[in-house]
Protein backbone atom coordinates (compact mmCIF):
# COMPACT_ATOMS: atom_id res chain seq x y z
CA MET A 1 4.54 -2.97 -5.90
CA SER A 2 6.41 -0.15 -7.55
CA ASP A 3 8.96 -0.08 -10.30
CA ASP A 4 11.42 2.57 -11.26
CA GLY A 5 9.79 3.30 -14.60
CA GLU A 6 13.06 4.69 -15.91
CA ARG A 7 15.32 1.69 -16.43
CA ALA A 8 16.36 1.17 -20.03
CA ASP A 9 15.77 -2.57 -20.39
CA ASP A 10 15.00 -2.44 -24.09
CA PRO A 11 17.60 -0.74 -26.25
CA ALA A 12 15.35 -1.15 -29.29
CA ALA A 13 13.25 1.92 -28.59
CA SER A 14 10.59 3.00 -31.03
CA ASP A 15 10.70 6.18 -33.13
CA ASP A 16 8.75 8.28 -30.62
CA THR A 17 11.72 8.95 -28.32
CA ASP A 18 10.94 12.68 -28.13
CA ALA A 19 7.17 12.31 -27.82
CA THR A 20 5.67 13.88 -24.71
CA PRO A 21 3.38 11.45 -22.94
CA LEU A 22 -0.23 12.34 -22.29
CA ILE A 23 -0.99 11.44 -18.67
CA GLU A 24 -4.68 10.91 -17.99
CA PRO A 25 -7.07 8.71 -16.02
CA ALA A 26 -7.44 5.20 -17.40
CA THR A 27 -10.69 4.06 -18.97
CA ASP A 28 -12.40 0.69 -18.93
CA ASP A 29 -11.14 0.20 -22.50
CA ASP A 30 -7.57 0.38 -21.19
CA LEU A 31 -8.00 -2.56 -18.81
CA PRO A 32 -6.74 -5.39 -21.06
CA ALA A 33 -3.50 -3.49 -21.82
CA LEU A 34 -3.11 -2.44 -18.19
CA VAL A 35 -3.60 -5.98 -16.89
CA SER A 36 -0.89 -7.14 -19.32
CA ALA A 37 1.39 -4.32 -18.15
CA TRP A 38 0.79 -5.27 -14.51
CA ILE A 39 1.61 -8.92 -15.33
CA ALA A 40 4.88 -7.70 -16.88
CA LEU A 41 5.62 -5.56 -13.80
CA ALA A 42 4.93 -8.48 -11.45
CA GLY A 43 7.13 -10.71 -13.60
CA GLU A 44 10.01 -8.23 -13.42
CA GLN A 45 9.60 -7.96 -9.65
CA GLU A 46 10.15 -11.72 -9.25
CA ALA A 47 13.83 -11.07 -9.95
CA TYR A 48 13.89 -8.90 -6.81
CA GLY A 49 12.21 -11.43 -4.53
CA SER A 50 8.52 -10.59 -4.97
CA HIS A 51 6.20 -13.39 -3.93
CA ILE A 52 3.35 -12.29 -6.19
CA ARG A 53 2.55 -14.79 -8.93
CA PRO A 54 1.84 -12.78 -12.08
CA GLU A 55 -0.42 -15.02 -14.18
CA GLU A 56 -2.20 -16.54 -11.19
CA ASN A 57 -3.34 -13.04 -10.21
CA ARG A 58 -4.60 -11.91 -13.62
CA GLU A 59 -8.30 -11.83 -12.63
CA ALA A 60 -7.63 -10.32 -9.22
CA ILE A 61 -5.56 -7.48 -10.65
CA ARG A 62 -8.17 -6.84 -13.31
CA ASP A 63 -10.70 -6.28 -10.52
CA VAL A 64 -8.29 -4.07 -8.56
CA LEU A 65 -7.42 -1.97 -11.61
CA LEU A 66 -11.09 -1.67 -12.55
CA ALA A 67 -11.86 -0.36 -9.05
CA HIS A 68 -9.11 2.26 -9.45
CA THR A 69 -10.75 3.51 -12.67
CA PHE A 70 -13.95 4.43 -10.79
CA ASP A 71 -12.10 7.03 -8.71
CA ASP A 72 -9.72 8.17 -11.47
CA ASP A 73 -6.91 6.72 -9.32
CA LEU A 74 -5.41 4.77 -12.21
CA LEU A 75 -3.31 6.97 -14.48
CA VAL A 76 -1.95 6.03 -17.87
CA ALA A 77 0.83 7.52 -19.94
CA ARG A 78 -0.03 7.49 -23.63
CA ILE A 79 2.25 8.08 -26.58
CA ASP A 80 0.44 8.13 -29.90
CA ASP A 81 -2.55 6.39 -28.29
CA ALA A 82 -0.39 3.50 -27.05
CA ILE A 83 -0.09 2.92 -23.30
CA ALA A 84 3.52 3.57 -22.33
CA GLY A 85 3.00 3.12 -18.59
CA PHE A 86 0.65 3.44 -15.65
CA ALA A 87 0.46 4.42 -12.01
CA SER A 88 -2.18 3.52 -9.41
CA VAL A 89 -2.77 5.58 -6.29
CA SER A 90 -5.13 5.74 -3.33
CA MET A 91 -5.66 7.60 -0.10
CA GLU A 92 -4.73 5.63 2.99
CA ASN A 93 -7.74 4.99 5.19
CA GLY A 94 -6.92 3.04 8.29
CA LEU A 95 -8.05 2.59 11.86
CA PHE A 96 -5.51 4.99 13.31
CA GLU A 97 -5.56 8.77 13.37
CA LEU A 98 -2.42 10.12 11.69
CA ASP A 99 -0.80 13.53 11.87
CA VAL A 100 -0.76 13.65 8.05
CA ALA A 101 -3.10 12.58 5.28
CA ARG A 102 -1.17 9.89 3.46
CA GLY A 103 -1.57 8.89 -0.14
CA ARG A 104 -0.15 5.66 -1.51
CA LEU A 105 1.43 4.79 -4.83
CA SER A 106 0.81 1.08 -5.24
CA ASN A 107 2.15 0.65 -8.78
CA LEU A 108 4.27 2.60 -11.20
CA TYR A 109 5.32 0.92 -14.42
CA VAL A 110 6.73 2.01 -17.76
CA THR A 111 6.86 -0.46 -20.63
CA PRO A 112 10.40 -1.49 -21.58
CA ALA A 113 10.16 0.14 -25.03
CA HIS A 114 9.34 3.52 -23.43
CA ARG A 115 11.81 3.62 -20.56
CA ASP A 116 14.52 6.18 -19.94
CA ARG A 117 12.46 9.04 -21.45
CA GLY A 118 11.02 10.71 -18.36
CA ILE A 119 7.70 8.86 -18.49
CA GLY A 120 8.17 7.40 -15.01
CA THR A 121 8.85 10.88 -13.65
CA ALA A 122 5.79 12.27 -15.47
CA LEU A 123 3.62 9.49 -14.02
CA LEU A 124 5.04 10.03 -10.53
CA GLU A 125 4.37 13.78 -10.72
CA ALA A 126 0.82 13.15 -11.97
CA ALA A 127 0.26 10.68 -9.13
CA GLU A 128 1.50 13.27 -6.63
CA ASP A 129 -0.80 15.90 -8.15
CA ARG A 130 -3.75 13.51 -8.03
CA LEU A 131 -3.18 12.67 -4.37
CA ARG A 132 -2.56 16.30 -3.45
CA ALA A 133 -5.95 17.12 -5.00
CA GLU A 134 -7.50 14.40 -2.80
CA GLY A 135 -5.97 16.02 0.30
CA ALA A 136 -2.78 14.00 0.78
CA ASP A 137 0.09 15.64 2.65
CA VAL A 138 2.58 12.86 1.92
CA LEU A 139 2.90 10.00 -0.54
CA SER A 140 4.23 6.61 0.48
CA LEU A 141 5.32 3.77 -1.75
CA GLU A 142 7.24 0.53 -1.66
CA ALA A 143 10.13 -0.65 -3.78
CA MET A 144 11.78 -4.04 -3.66
CA ALA A 145 14.92 -3.85 -1.50
CA ASP A 146 17.09 -5.40 -4.23
CA ASN A 147 15.73 -3.15 -6.99
CA ALA A 148 18.52 -0.56 -6.88
CA ASP A 149 17.22 1.19 -10.01
CA ALA A 150 13.79 1.78 -8.46
CA ARG A 151 15.24 2.99 -5.18
CA ARG A 152 17.61 5.33 -7.01
CA PHE A 153 14.71 6.67 -9.12
CA TYR A 154 12.58 7.44 -6.07
CA ARG A 155 15.49 9.01 -4.16
CA ALA A 156 16.23 11.22 -7.19
CA ASN A 157 12.60 12.36 -7.00
CA GLY A 158 12.86 13.35 -3.33
CA TYR A 159 11.71 10.17 -1.58
CA HIS A 160 13.48 8.70 1.45
CA GLU A 161 13.15 5.55 3.48
CA THR A 162 10.88 5.81 6.50
CA ARG A 163 10.27 2.14 7.25
CA VAL A 164 12.09 -1.08 6.44
CA THR A 165 10.26 -4.37 5.94
CA MET A 166 12.18 -7.52 6.79
CA GLU A 167 11.33 -11.17 6.20
CA ARG A 168 12.77 -14.63 6.41
CA ARG A 169 11.58 -18.07 5.47
CA LEU A 170 10.29 -19.88 8.53
CA GLU A 171 11.66 -23.24 7.47
CA ASP A 172 15.13 -21.68 7.87
CA ARG A 173 14.62 -21.38 11.62
CA GLY A 174 15.83 -24.92 12.22
CA ASN A 175 19.13 -23.95 10.61
CA ASP A 176 19.44 -20.77 12.69
CA THR A 177 22.99 -20.44 14.03
CA HIS A 178 22.23 -17.37 16.18
CA SER A 179 22.03 -17.92 19.89
CA LYS A 180 19.08 -16.62 21.87
CA GLU A 181 21.39 -14.03 23.45
CA GLU A 182 22.05 -12.51 19.99
CA ARG A 183 18.36 -12.05 19.19
């Protein structure tokens, strides 16, 4: 799940509005703050139709984020030693041979108090650099279809849609008004 990282949800920004974030690999000591940030990200994504249950996945995401720290694939943005955001990346390793080496951005999040300051862009650029160093030719990511801010952010940073995921609730099939000829 990805977020725009640049939306200004919290007008009560702290005094460090001009501070340049330090982007670096996360440490084990960062995990409690990063798990809380991921819970916040997942909670925000519910407004856009995400099916992920934030609190119910606390332990699972802790394990996932911990695994990312082993490969330095979990980046944090720090301002005055406080975590202002994070990004998690990985190289795609699948069964199929591809004509490119593809990296994946699975999460990008900036805390509400630090948004609209370029931190999301700094994290995205650091994620790109990290994946380029691992041999990636392209970076793929997902954004919720209804999250116009996230989609605008990624487009402004040179990303374009290459695949569209569609879904529907299966219990709605009984109420389907489309004829078989229209399908």
